[in-house]
């Protein structure tokens, strides 16, 4: 298990610990939320499976020298990569990552407000804890960095196969790597934007807090001065 997954497990356990101390009215532990997350996770995994199947069909058709049939199958694979199929994967992963981030932030805020961040995690090994832990790991496994490459067996191979054959014309050959790189870059850019957005949100919140504190201090000084002036006014 790599360091990132290990850290994710720790954060998730802490998040679940906080969630178990939060009432259902304050935290999305409802069955409908769990089912929604499961549905998105299943859909994301299905996209990866479908892409891998299309990639395998493309590879097999080339290896069997099927000619025009190979071109059609490989075109279907390319259209899946550059079309709605992969777009749906990005959409599902975006929702899953948003849920994961909201889950952790809400649970950590709950832990901080309760003042119990170091509570023994063993007492929280409930069915909900285990289920949410599994969902957290599932999101990272299916939607993490390079998941498209690491969770499929034939996608990259299909591109390499297409690049090495003469069935497609040179202009299409040059576009193959660009297409895959562009779609993978979309995923990486999405992850970067989410990370930057979180940092920007934190910075804006901090600036807002500082401004609010400054305003409160100014109001306090004003109120103090008004009180002093009232004291100075002779009766």
C-alpha atoms as a PDB file:
ATOM      1  CA  UNK A   1       0.000   0.000   0.000  1.00  0.00           C
ATOM      2  CA  UNK A   2       1.529   3.301  -1.054  1.00  0.00           C
ATOM      3  CA  UNK A   3       1.899   6.361   1.148  1.00  0.00           C
ATOM      4  CA  UNK A   4      -1.020   8.211  -0.449  1.00  0.00           C
ATOM      5  CA  UNK A   5      -3.451   5.351   0.213  1.00  0.00           C
ATOM      6  CA  UNK A   6      -2.130   5.007   3.761  1.00  0.00           C
ATOM      7  CA  UNK A   7      -2.683   8.709   4.404  1.00  0.00           C
ATOM      8  CA  UNK A   8      -6.129   8.451   2.856  1.00  0.00           C
ATOM      9  CA  UNK A   9      -7.029   5.630   5.234  1.00  0.00           C
ATOM     10  CA  UNK A  10      -5.915   7.700   8.219  1.00  0.00           C
ATOM     11  CA  UNK A  11      -7.852  10.769   7.085  1.00  0.00           C
ATOM     12  CA  UNK A  12     -10.904   8.641   6.350  1.00  0.00           C
ATOM     13  CA  UNK A  13     -10.847   7.001   9.765  1.00  0.00           C
ATOM     14  CA  UNK A  14     -10.629  10.408  11.396  1.00  0.00           C
ATOM     15  CA  UNK A  15     -13.428  11.670   9.183  1.00  0.00           C
ATOM     16  CA  UNK A  16     -15.640   8.717  10.027  1.00  0.00           C
ATOM     17  CA  UNK A  17     -14.797   9.205  13.692  1.00  0.00           C
ATOM     18  CA  UNK A  18     -16.076  12.760  13.419  1.00  0.00           C
ATOM     19  CA  UNK A  19     -19.094  11.673  11.415  1.00  0.00           C
ATOM     20  CA  UNK A  20     -20.159   9.181  14.058  1.00  0.00           C
ATOM     21  CA  UNK A  21     -20.291  12.004  16.591  1.00  0.00           C
ATOM     22  CA  UNK A  22     -22.518  14.080  14.311  1.00  0.00           C
ATOM     23  CA  UNK A  23     -26.278  13.696  14.177  1.00  0.00           C
ATOM     24  CA  UNK A  24     -27.888  12.478  10.963  1.00  0.00           C
ATOM     25  CA  UNK A  25     -29.609  15.846  10.638  1.00  0.00           C
ATOM     26  CA  UNK A  26     -26.193  17.536  10.398  1.00  0.00           C
ATOM     27  CA  UNK A  27     -24.283  15.024   8.300  1.00  0.00           C
ATOM     28  CA  UNK A  28     -25.107  13.123   5.079  1.00  0.00           C
ATOM     29  CA  UNK A  29     -25.202   9.606   6.506  1.00  0.00           C
ATOM     30  CA  UNK A  30     -28.616   8.888   5.002  1.00  0.00           C
ATOM     31  CA  UNK A  31     -29.030   5.720   2.996  1.00  0.00           C
ATOM     32  CA  UNK A  32     -29.877   7.758  -0.096  1.00  0.00           C
ATOM     33  CA  UNK A  33     -26.472   9.474   0.017  1.00  0.00           C
ATOM     34  CA  UNK A  34     -24.672   6.151   0.374  1.00  0.00           C
ATOM     35  CA  UNK A  35     -26.628   4.697  -2.528  1.00  0.00           C
ATOM     36  CA  UNK A  36     -25.908   7.758  -4.677  1.00  0.00           C
ATOM     37  CA  UNK A  37     -22.167   7.484  -4.024  1.00  0.00           C
ATOM     38  CA  UNK A  38     -22.252   3.762  -4.761  1.00  0.00           C
ATOM     39  CA  UNK A  39     -24.117   4.412  -8.008  1.00  0.00           C
ATOM     40  CA  UNK A  40     -21.558   6.985  -9.190  1.00  0.00           C
ATOM     41  CA  UNK A  41     -18.696   4.691  -8.210  1.00  0.00           C
ATOM     42  CA  UNK A  42     -20.261   1.780 -10.068  1.00  0.00           C
ATOM     43  CA  UNK A  43     -20.834   3.972 -13.127  1.00  0.00           C
ATOM     44  CA  UNK A  44     -17.230   5.191 -13.121  1.00  0.00           C
ATOM     45  CA  UNK A  45     -15.948   1.626 -12.893  1.00  0.00           C
ATOM     46  CA  UNK A  46     -18.285   0.533 -15.683  1.00  0.00           C
ATOM     47  CA  UNK A  47     -16.856   3.235 -17.963  1.00  0.00           C
ATOM     48  CA  UNK A  48     -13.343   1.933 -17.329  1.00  0.00           C
ATOM     49  CA  UNK A  49     -14.519  -1.611 -18.059  1.00  0.00           C
ATOM     50  CA  UNK A  50     -16.267  -0.525 -21.271  1.00  0.00           C
ATOM     51  CA  UNK A  51     -13.225   1.430 -22.447  1.00  0.00           C
ATOM     52  CA  UNK A  52     -10.999  -1.561 -21.786  1.00  0.00           C
ATOM     53  CA  UNK A  53     -13.359  -3.846 -23.722  1.00  0.00           C
ATOM     54  CA  UNK A  54     -13.369  -1.490 -26.723  1.00  0.00           C
ATOM     55  CA  UNK A  55      -9.578  -1.249 -26.550  1.00  0.00           C
ATOM     56  CA  UNK A  56      -9.274  -5.046 -26.479  1.00  0.00           C
ATOM     57  CA  UNK A  57     -11.597  -5.389 -29.493  1.00  0.00           C
ATOM     58  CA  UNK A  58      -9.411  -2.927 -31.364  1.00  0.00           C
ATOM     59  CA  UNK A  59      -6.207  -4.796 -30.499  1.00  0.00           C
ATOM     60  CA  UNK A  60      -7.659  -8.200 -31.376  1.00  0.00           C
ATOM     61  CA  UNK A  61      -9.000  -6.978 -34.694  1.00  0.00           C
ATOM     62  CA  UNK A  62      -5.565  -5.649 -35.619  1.00  0.00           C
ATOM     63  CA  UNK A  63      -3.846  -8.856 -34.576  1.00  0.00           C
ATOM     64  CA  UNK A  64      -6.308 -10.837 -36.737  1.00  0.00           C
ATOM     65  CA  UNK A  65      -5.736  -8.516 -39.731  1.00  0.00           C
ATOM     66  CA  UNK A  66      -9.426  -7.797 -40.112  1.00  0.00           C
ATOM     67  CA  UNK A  67      -8.782  -4.720 -42.224  1.00  0.00           C
ATOM     68  CA  UNK A  68     -11.877  -2.543 -42.502  1.00  0.00           C
ATOM     69  CA  UNK A  69     -13.491  -4.229 -39.495  1.00  0.00           C
ATOM     70  CA  UNK A  70     -10.404  -3.349 -37.443  1.00  0.00           C
ATOM     71  CA  UNK A  71     -10.643   0.252 -38.562  1.00  0.00           C
ATOM     72  CA  UNK A  72     -14.279   0.406 -37.455  1.00  0.00           C
ATOM     73  CA  UNK A  73     -13.609  -1.169 -34.081  1.00  0.00           C
ATOM     74  CA  UNK A  74     -10.652   1.086 -33.413  1.00  0.00           C
ATOM     75  CA  UNK A  75     -12.622   4.128 -34.519  1.00  0.00           C
ATOM     76  CA  UNK A  76     -15.282   3.133 -31.991  1.00  0.00           C
ATOM     77  CA  UNK A  77     -12.595   2.980 -29.308  1.00  0.00           C
ATOM     78  CA  UNK A  78     -11.244   6.411 -30.271  1.00  0.00           C
ATOM     79  CA  UNK A  79     -14.718   7.960 -30.280  1.00  0.00           C
ATOM     80  CA  UNK A  80     -15.292   6.535 -26.791  1.00  0.00           C
ATOM     81  CA  UNK A  81     -12.068   8.126 -25.572  1.00  0.00           C
ATOM     82  CA  UNK A  82     -12.837  11.470 -27.147  1.00  0.00           C
ATOM     83  CA  UNK A  83     -16.590  11.466 -26.602  1.00  0.00           C
ATOM     84  CA  UNK A  84     -19.424  10.987 -24.150  1.00  0.00           C
ATOM     85  CA  UNK A  85     -18.156   7.781 -22.546  1.00  0.00           C
ATOM     86  CA  UNK A  86     -15.025   9.275 -21.042  1.00  0.00           C
ATOM     87  CA  UNK A  87     -16.881  12.542 -20.394  1.00  0.00           C
ATOM     88  CA  UNK A  88     -19.327  10.604 -18.225  1.00  0.00           C
ATOM     89  CA  UNK A  89     -16.394   9.085 -16.325  1.00  0.00           C
ATOM     90  CA  UNK A  90     -15.039  12.568 -15.602  1.00  0.00           C
ATOM     91  CA  UNK A  91     -18.500  13.687 -14.460  1.00  0.00           C
ATOM     92  CA  UNK A  92     -18.971  10.748 -12.080  1.00  0.00           C
ATOM     93  CA  UNK A  93     -15.489  11.185 -10.632  1.00  0.00           C
ATOM     94  CA  UNK A  94     -16.076  14.889 -10.094  1.00  0.00           C
ATOM     95  CA  UNK A  95     -19.179  14.149  -8.026  1.00  0.00           C
ATOM     96  CA  UNK A  96     -17.368  11.435  -6.075  1.00  0.00           C
ATOM     97  CA  UNK A  97     -14.414  13.681  -5.264  1.00  0.00           C
ATOM     98  CA  UNK A  98     -16.736  16.493  -4.221  1.00  0.00           C
ATOM     99  CA  UNK A  99     -18.578  14.112  -1.896  1.00  0.00           C
ATOM    100  CA  UNK A 100     -15.297  12.858  -0.432  1.00  0.00           C
ATOM    101  CA  UNK A 101     -14.015  16.393   0.184  1.00  0.00           C
ATOM    102  CA  UNK A 102     -17.293  17.515   1.768  1.00  0.00           C
ATOM    103  CA  UNK A 103     -17.367  14.382   3.911  1.00  0.00           C
ATOM    104  CA  UNK A 104     -13.885  14.966   5.315  1.00  0.00           C
ATOM    105  CA  UNK A 105     -14.307  18.725   5.827  1.00  0.00           C
ATOM    106  CA  UNK A 106     -17.657  18.342   7.594  1.00  0.00           C
ATOM    107  CA  UNK A 107     -16.401  15.533   9.799  1.00  0.00           C
ATOM    108  CA  UNK A 108     -13.227  17.409  10.722  1.00  0.00           C
ATOM    109  CA  UNK A 109     -15.249  20.499  11.593  1.00  0.00           C
ATOM    110  CA  UNK A 110     -17.473  18.329  13.745  1.00  0.00           C
ATOM    111  CA  UNK A 111     -14.443  16.839  15.528  1.00  0.00           C
ATOM    112  CA  UNK A 112     -13.021  20.305  16.137  1.00  0.00           C
ATOM    113  CA  UNK A 113     -16.294  21.642  17.531  1.00  0.00           C
ATOM    114  CA  UNK A 114     -16.667  18.630  19.797  1.00  0.00           C
ATOM    115  CA  UNK A 115     -13.078  18.913  20.968  1.00  0.00           C
ATOM    116  CA  UNK A 116     -12.490  15.173  20.581  1.00  0.00           C
ATOM    117  CA  UNK A 117     -10.054  14.725  17.690  1.00  0.00           C
ATOM    118  CA  UNK A 118      -8.047  12.026  19.472  1.00  0.00           C
ATOM    119  CA  UNK A 119     -10.909   9.783  20.471  1.00  0.00           C
ATOM    120  CA  UNK A 120     -10.095   6.077  20.167  1.00  0.00           C
ATOM    121  CA  UNK A 121     -11.047   5.025  16.646  1.00  0.00           C
ATOM    122  CA  UNK A 122     -11.812   1.454  17.676  1.00  0.00           C
ATOM    123  CA  UNK A 123     -15.140   2.442  19.155  1.00  0.00           C
ATOM    124  CA  UNK A 124     -16.155   3.735  15.732  1.00  0.00           C
ATOM    125  CA  UNK A 125     -15.719   0.453  13.858  1.00  0.00           C
ATOM    126  CA  UNK A 126     -19.437   0.319  13.068  1.00  0.00           C
ATOM    127  CA  UNK A 127     -21.034  -0.800   9.835  1.00  0.00           C
ATOM    128  CA  UNK A 128     -21.297   2.836   8.704  1.00  0.00           C
ATOM    129  CA  UNK A 129     -17.615   3.419   9.423  1.00  0.00           C
ATOM    130  CA  UNK A 130     -16.553   0.397   7.404  1.00  0.00           C
ATOM    131  CA  UNK A 131     -18.894   1.287   4.558  1.00  0.00           C
ATOM    132  CA  UNK A 132     -17.704   4.878   4.310  1.00  0.00           C
ATOM    133  CA  UNK A 133     -14.078   3.754   4.540  1.00  0.00           C
ATOM    134  CA  UNK A 134     -14.674   1.370   1.642  1.00  0.00           C
ATOM    135  CA  UNK A 135     -16.306   4.135  -0.377  1.00  0.00           C
ATOM    136  CA  UNK A 136     -13.432   6.537   0.285  1.00  0.00           C
ATOM    137  CA  UNK A 137     -10.866   3.986  -0.870  1.00  0.00           C
ATOM    138  CA  UNK A 138     -13.052   3.137  -3.848  1.00  0.00           C
ATOM    139  CA  UNK A 139     -13.142   6.769  -4.973  1.00  0.00           C
ATOM    140  CA  UNK A 140      -9.358   7.014  -4.885  1.00  0.00           C
ATOM    141  CA  UNK A 141      -8.923   3.648  -6.599  1.00  0.00           C
ATOM    142  CA  UNK A 142     -11.305   4.423  -9.454  1.00  0.00           C
ATOM    143  CA  UNK A 143     -10.836   8.181  -9.824  1.00  0.00           C
ATOM    144  CA  UNK A 144      -7.348   8.889  -8.509  1.00  0.00           C
ATOM    145  CA  UNK A 145      -4.408  10.244 -10.474  1.00  0.00           C
ATOM    146  CA  UNK A 146      -3.674   8.077 -13.554  1.00  0.00           C
ATOM    147  CA  UNK A 147      -6.637   5.808 -12.753  1.00  0.00           C
ATOM    148  CA  UNK A 148      -7.493   5.567 -16.453  1.00  0.00           C
ATOM    149  CA  UNK A 149      -4.053   4.120 -17.173  1.00  0.00           C
ATOM    150  CA  UNK A 150      -3.666   2.043 -14.022  1.00  0.00           C
ATOM    151  CA  UNK A 151      -7.201   0.574 -13.810  1.00  0.00           C
ATOM    152  CA  UNK A 152      -7.380  -0.509 -17.441  1.00  0.00           C
ATOM    153  CA  UNK A 153      -5.336  -3.210 -19.099  1.00  0.00           C
ATOM    154  CA  UNK A 154      -5.667  -2.489 -22.805  1.00  0.00           C
ATOM    155  CA  UNK A 155      -6.346   1.237 -23.273  1.00  0.00           C
ATOM    156  CA  UNK A 156      -2.731   2.347 -23.531  1.00  0.00           C
ATOM    157  CA  UNK A 157      -1.813  -0.774 -25.493  1.00  0.00           C
ATOM    158  CA  UNK A 158      -4.530  -0.021 -28.027  1.00  0.00           C
ATOM    159  CA  UNK A 159      -3.078   3.417 -28.636  1.00  0.00           C
ATOM    160  CA  UNK A 160       0.397   1.961 -29.010  1.00  0.00           C
ATOM    161  CA  UNK A 161      -0.963  -0.610 -31.452  1.00  0.00           C
ATOM    162  CA  UNK A 162      -2.677   2.030 -33.559  1.00  0.00           C
ATOM    163  CA  UNK A 163       0.466   4.139 -33.655  1.00  0.00           C
ATOM    164  CA  UNK A 164       2.546   1.211 -34.868  1.00  0.00           C
ATOM    165  CA  UNK A 165       0.315   0.078 -37.757  1.00  0.00           C
ATOM    166  CA  UNK A 166      -0.289   1.470 -41.255  1.00  0.00           C
ATOM    167  CA  UNK A 167      -4.038   0.901 -41.381  1.00  0.00           C
ATOM    168  CA  UNK A 168      -4.724   4.488 -40.354  1.00  0.00           C
ATOM    169  CA  UNK A 169      -3.371   7.409 -42.308  1.00  0.00           C
ATOM    170  CA  UNK A 170      -0.561   9.539 -40.947  1.00  0.00           C
ATOM    171  CA  UNK A 171      -2.768  12.424 -39.844  1.00  0.00           C
ATOM    172  CA  UNK A 172      -4.827  10.074 -37.681  1.00  0.00           C
ATOM    173  CA  UNK A 173      -1.692   8.418 -36.355  1.00  0.00           C
ATOM    174  CA  UNK A 174      -0.347  11.785 -35.222  1.00  0.00           C
ATOM    175  CA  UNK A 175      -3.627  12.522 -33.465  1.00  0.00           C
ATOM    176  CA  UNK A 176      -3.747   9.278 -31.484  1.00  0.00           C
ATOM    177  CA  UNK A 177      -1.332  10.203 -28.746  1.00  0.00           C
ATOM    178  CA  UNK A 178      -2.650  13.765 -28.694  1.00  0.00           C
ATOM    179  CA  UNK A 179      -6.177  12.490 -28.134  1.00  0.00           C
ATOM    180  CA  UNK A 180      -5.271  10.266 -25.207  1.00  0.00           C
ATOM    181  CA  UNK A 181      -2.976  12.869 -23.700  1.00  0.00           C
ATOM    182  CA  UNK A 182      -5.681  15.496 -24.025  1.00  0.00           C
ATOM    183  CA  UNK A 183      -8.277  13.367 -22.262  1.00  0.00           C
ATOM    184  CA  UNK A 184      -5.849  12.377 -19.519  1.00  0.00           C
ATOM    185  CA  UNK A 185      -4.821  16.021 -19.197  1.00  0.00           C
ATOM    186  CA  UNK A 186      -8.503  16.865 -18.696  1.00  0.00           C
ATOM    187  CA  UNK A 187      -8.575  14.557 -15.697  1.00  0.00           C
ATOM    188  CA  UNK A 188      -5.314  15.893 -14.297  1.00  0.00           C
ATOM    189  CA  UNK A 189      -6.407  19.501 -14.904  1.00  0.00           C
ATOM    190  CA  UNK A 190      -9.682  18.808 -13.144  1.00  0.00           C
ATOM    191  CA  UNK A 191      -7.801  17.463 -10.123  1.00  0.00           C
ATOM    192  CA  UNK A 192      -5.484  20.509 -10.172  1.00  0.00           C
ATOM    193  CA  UNK A 193      -8.398  22.933 -10.437  1.00  0.00           C
ATOM    194  CA  UNK A 194     -10.151  21.252  -7.525  1.00  0.00           C
ATOM    195  CA  UNK A 195      -6.976  21.485  -5.446  1.00  0.00           C
ATOM    196  CA  UNK A 196      -6.407  25.135  -6.358  1.00  0.00           C
ATOM    197  CA  UNK A 197     -10.068  25.906  -5.759  1.00  0.00           C
ATOM    198  CA  UNK A 198      -9.851  24.442  -2.298  1.00  0.00           C
ATOM    199  CA  UNK A 199      -6.740  26.505  -1.555  1.00  0.00           C
ATOM    200  CA  UNK A 200      -8.368  29.661  -2.939  1.00  0.00           C
ATOM    201  CA  UNK A 201     -11.513  29.018  -0.941  1.00  0.00           C
ATOM    202  CA  UNK A 202      -9.442  28.634   2.218  1.00  0.00           C
ATOM    203  CA  UNK A 203      -7.540  31.858   1.443  1.00  0.00           C
ATOM    204  CA  UNK A 204     -10.764  33.790   0.795  1.00  0.00           C
ATOM    205  CA  UNK A 205     -12.287  32.477   4.003  1.00  0.00           C
ATOM    206  CA  UNK A 206      -9.182  33.507   5.938  1.00  0.00           C
ATOM    207  CA  UNK A 207      -9.211  36.981   4.387  1.00  0.00           C
ATOM    208  CA  UNK A 208     -12.903  37.293   5.161  1.00  0.00           C
ATOM    209  CA  UNK A 209     -12.301  36.268   8.736  1.00  0.00           C
ATOM    210  CA  UNK A 210      -9.492  38.791   9.124  1.00  0.00           C
ATOM    211  CA  UNK A 211     -11.657  41.517   7.618  1.00  0.00           C
ATOM    212  CA  UNK A 212     -14.518  40.605   9.903  1.00  0.00           C
ATOM    213  CA  UNK A 213     -12.226  40.720  12.937  1.00  0.00           C
ATOM    214  CA  UNK A 214     -10.882  44.107  11.837  1.00  0.00           C
ATOM    215  CA  UNK A 215     -14.433  45.405  11.420  1.00  0.00           C
ATOM    216  CA  UNK A 216     -15.402  44.093  14.823  1.00  0.00           C
ATOM    217  CA  UNK A 217     -12.385  45.770  16.395  1.00  0.00           C
ATOM    218  CA  UNK A 218     -13.240  49.032  14.639  1.00  0.00           C
ATOM    219  CA  UNK A 219     -16.829  48.833  15.866  1.00  0.00           C
ATOM    220  CA  UNK A 220     -15.601  48.089  19.364  1.00  0.00           C
ATOM    221  CA  UNK A 221     -13.330  51.153  19.295  1.00  0.00           C
ATOM    222  CA  UNK A 222     -16.210  53.251  17.977  1.00  0.00           C
ATOM    223  CA  UNK A 223     -18.559  52.020  20.664  1.00  0.00           C
ATOM    224  CA  UNK A 224     -15.898  52.634  23.297  1.00  0.00           C
ATOM    225  CA  UNK A 225     -15.368  56.172  22.041  1.00  0.00           C
ATOM    226  CA  UNK A 226     -19.107  56.839  22.040  1.00  0.00           C
ATOM    227  CA  UNK A 227     -19.322  55.638  25.610  1.00  0.00           C
ATOM    228  CA  UNK A 228     -16.400  57.876  26.555  1.00  0.00           C
ATOM    229  CA  UNK A 229     -18.075  60.857  24.898  1.00  0.00           C
ATOM    230  CA  UNK A 230     -21.252  60.137  26.794  1.00  0.00           C
ATOM    231  CA  UNK A 231     -19.282  60.089  30.000  1.00  0.00           C
ATOM    232  CA  UNK A 232     -17.698  63.444  29.147  1.00  0.00           C
ATOM    233  CA  UNK A 233     -21.042  65.182  28.413  1.00  0.00           C
ATOM    234  CA  UNK A 234     -22.117  67.097  31.553  1.00  0.00           C
ATOM    235  CA  UNK A 235     -25.601  66.427  32.869  1.00  0.00           C
END
